[in-house]
Amino acid sequence: MSVPPAPGELQQKSRVLELVLDYWRDVDTNWGSGAHLLFTEDGVFESERMRLAGRAEIKAFYDWRRGRGERVARHLVANPRVHMTGAARATIGYIMTIYAMDGVPVLPVSAPNLICDVTETMVWKDQRWWIARKHFNTLFKGEVAATVMPPEILAVVRTGDTNAG
């Protein structure tokens, strides 16, 4: 027998999903220029190939990517599932399919760049949800690699030392 959701739970789950969709909309249509602002100050964005800790590193990644030139990307979210893990905490898991390529539309398409499981931890603070952690677990890789900031550039971001790396 299923238990009905707690009062307000469906609304909170909807807000968590909306945050995920807002994030990817910003990445796809605004070069991710506001993506870092959706994370907590110490938020983490991580995959097998890259770990960004804090808003400054996340912002630096999207600034670097934008500086590489024209790019078209679409991050498709499928099968989202939100779990309320406390009054001020939630997780959402979903399947992410990424199509991205340098250049301007209309670009050729083949297999996606990446298909992965994404798990995000969200926290409620200051009357809104924030991304505390976004973790990618890669399942399939296409011929065109997903964008990853080179370690030597990330080292400069972290230290401020232009001789690092």
Protein backbone atom coordinates (compact mmCIF):
# COMPACT_ATOMS: atom_id res chain seq x y z
CA MET A 1 0.00 0.00 0.00
CA SER A 2 1.44 3.37 -0.97
CA VAL A 3 1.59 6.25 1.46
CA PRO A 4 0.33 9.66 0.30
CA PRO A 5 2.97 12.37 0.08
CA ALA A 6 3.43 14.70 3.03
CA PRO A 7 1.77 18.12 2.72
CA GLY A 8 3.84 20.28 0.39
CA GLU A 9 6.09 17.39 -0.69
CA LEU A 10 4.92 17.37 -4.33
CA GLN A 11 5.50 21.11 -4.57
CA GLN A 12 9.04 20.75 -3.17
CA LYS A 13 9.80 17.87 -5.55
CA SER A 14 8.58 20.02 -8.42
CA ARG A 15 10.89 22.87 -7.31
CA VAL A 16 13.88 20.50 -7.18
CA LEU A 17 13.17 19.30 -10.73
CA GLU A 18 12.68 22.89 -11.87
CA LEU A 19 16.14 23.78 -10.50
CA VAL A 20 17.70 20.95 -12.52
CA LEU A 21 15.91 22.07 -15.68
CA ASP A 22 16.81 25.74 -15.09
CA TYR A 23 20.46 24.77 -14.71
CA TRP A 24 20.61 22.86 -18.00
CA ARG A 25 18.60 25.55 -19.81
CA ASP A 26 21.21 28.11 -18.72
CA VAL A 27 24.04 25.84 -19.87
CA ASP A 28 22.41 25.20 -23.25
CA THR A 29 21.12 28.68 -24.07
CA ASN A 30 23.25 31.08 -22.02
CA TRP A 31 26.67 29.42 -22.09
CA GLY A 32 26.27 28.49 -18.41
CA SER A 33 26.91 32.09 -17.42
CA GLY A 34 24.59 31.82 -14.42
CA ALA A 35 25.02 28.11 -13.66
CA HIS A 36 27.44 28.66 -10.76
CA LEU A 37 24.83 30.83 -9.02
CA LEU A 38 22.55 27.79 -8.61
CA PHE A 39 25.12 26.01 -6.41
CA THR A 40 25.82 26.48 -2.72
CA GLU A 41 29.02 28.45 -2.10
CA ASP A 42 30.90 25.17 -1.60
CA GLY A 43 28.92 23.19 -4.21
CA VAL A 44 30.63 20.37 -6.11
CA PHE A 45 30.35 19.44 -9.79
CA GLU A 46 32.10 16.13 -10.48
CA SER A 47 32.57 13.31 -12.94
CA GLU A 48 35.19 10.66 -13.54
CA ARG A 49 37.28 13.21 -15.45
CA MET A 50 36.84 16.49 -13.58
CA ARG A 51 35.98 17.82 -10.13
CA LEU A 52 35.04 21.44 -9.55
CA ALA A 53 34.59 22.64 -5.98
CA GLY A 54 32.90 25.94 -5.17
CA ARG A 55 31.15 28.55 -7.25
CA ALA A 56 34.40 30.15 -8.40
CA GLU A 57 35.69 26.94 -10.03
CA ILE A 58 32.31 26.18 -11.60
CA LYS A 59 32.12 29.72 -12.99
CA ALA A 60 35.70 29.45 -14.28
CA PHE A 61 34.82 26.25 -16.14
CA TYR A 62 31.88 27.85 -17.97
CA ASP A 63 33.88 31.04 -18.65
CA TRP A 64 36.69 28.91 -20.11
CA ARG A 65 34.26 26.90 -22.23
CA ARG A 66 32.58 30.07 -23.53
CA GLY A 67 36.02 31.47 -24.40
CA ARG A 68 36.73 28.51 -26.69
CA GLY A 69 34.28 29.85 -29.27
CA GLU A 70 30.94 28.92 -30.76
CA ARG A 71 29.33 25.74 -29.49
CA VAL A 72 25.90 24.15 -29.61
CA ALA A 73 24.84 21.87 -26.76
CA ARG A 74 21.69 20.20 -25.56
CA HIS A 75 21.56 18.32 -22.26
CA LEU A 76 18.51 16.07 -22.24
CA VAL A 77 17.09 15.03 -18.87
CA ALA A 78 15.08 11.79 -18.72
CA ASN A 79 13.47 9.69 -16.01
CA PRO A 80 13.94 12.13 -13.11
CA ARG A 81 13.22 10.81 -9.65
CA VAL A 82 13.21 13.12 -6.61
CA HIS A 83 13.58 11.84 -3.06
CA MET A 84 13.02 14.11 -0.09
CA THR A 85 15.71 13.05 2.38
CA GLY A 86 14.81 15.57 5.06
CA ALA A 87 12.95 18.82 5.59
CA ALA A 88 15.76 20.79 3.93
CA ARG A 89 17.45 18.13 1.80
CA ALA A 90 16.61 16.23 -1.39
CA THR A 91 18.29 14.09 -4.00
CA ILE A 92 17.36 13.81 -7.63
CA GLY A 93 18.60 11.18 -10.03
CA TYR A 94 18.12 11.22 -13.78
CA ILE A 95 19.58 10.07 -17.07
CA MET A 96 21.51 12.73 -18.96
CA THR A 97 22.03 12.51 -22.72
CA ILE A 98 24.42 15.12 -24.07
CA TYR A 99 24.67 16.29 -27.67
CA ALA A 100 27.32 18.98 -28.13
CA MET A 101 29.69 20.18 -30.81
CA ASP A 102 31.82 23.22 -31.52
CA GLY A 103 30.42 25.43 -34.26
CA VAL A 104 27.14 27.10 -35.17
CA PRO A 105 23.84 25.48 -36.17
CA VAL A 106 22.97 23.48 -38.15
CA LEU A 107 25.56 20.85 -37.16
CA PRO A 108 25.68 17.18 -38.13
CA VAL A 109 24.52 14.67 -35.55
CA SER A 110 25.41 11.09 -34.83
CA ALA A 111 25.54 9.31 -31.49
CA PRO A 112 25.34 11.46 -28.33
CA ASN A 113 28.58 12.66 -26.74
CA LEU A 114 27.64 11.06 -23.45
CA ILE A 115 24.91 9.17 -21.66
CA CYS A 116 25.24 9.12 -17.91
CA ASP A 117 23.40 8.78 -14.65
CA VAL A 118 23.38 12.04 -12.73
CA THR A 119 22.73 12.30 -9.01
CA GLU A 120 22.31 15.69 -7.39
CA THR A 121 22.04 16.63 -3.75
CA MET A 122 19.96 19.72 -3.07
CA VAL A 123 19.66 21.79 0.09
CA TRP A 124 16.95 24.24 1.14
CA LYS A 125 18.37 27.52 2.42
CA ASP A 126 17.23 31.13 2.30
CA GLN A 127 13.79 30.12 1.02
CA ARG A 128 15.03 28.27 -2.06
CA TRP A 129 16.75 25.09 -3.26
CA TRP A 130 20.48 25.06 -4.06
CA ILE A 131 22.66 22.44 -5.72
CA ALA A 132 25.15 21.09 -3.18
CA ARG A 133 26.55 18.31 -5.37
CA LYS A 134 26.14 17.27 -9.01
CA HIS A 135 27.74 13.89 -9.78
CA PHE A 136 27.96 12.25 -13.22
CA ASN A 137 28.44 8.50 -13.65
CA THR A 138 29.26 7.87 -17.31
CA LEU A 139 27.58 4.89 -18.95
CA PHE A 140 28.25 5.53 -22.67
CA LYS A 141 30.76 7.78 -24.48
CA GLY A 142 30.36 8.93 -28.06
CA GLU A 143 33.04 9.75 -30.60
CA VAL A 144 32.98 13.47 -29.74
CA ALA A 145 34.19 13.88 -26.15
CA ALA A 146 32.32 15.96 -23.61
CA THR A 147 34.06 19.18 -22.61
CA VAL A 148 36.51 18.92 -19.72
CA MET A 149 38.71 21.74 -18.50
CA PRO A 150 42.37 20.74 -18.89
CA PRO A 151 44.10 20.10 -15.53
CA GLU A 152 46.73 22.77 -16.14
CA ILE A 153 44.04 25.44 -16.61
CA LEU A 154 42.14 24.22 -13.55
CA ALA A 155 45.40 24.43 -11.57
CA VAL A 156 45.70 28.11 -12.50
CA VAL A 157 42.08 28.68 -11.42
CA ARG A 158 42.76 27.01 -8.07
CA THR A 159 46.06 28.71 -7.30
CA GLY A 160 45.95 31.92 -9.28
CA ASP A 161 49.49 31.04 -10.36
CA THR A 162 49.79 31.44 -14.12
CA ASN A 163 52.97 29.32 -13.95
CA ALA A 164 51.07 26.36 -12.44
CA GLY A 165 50.69 23.29 -14.64
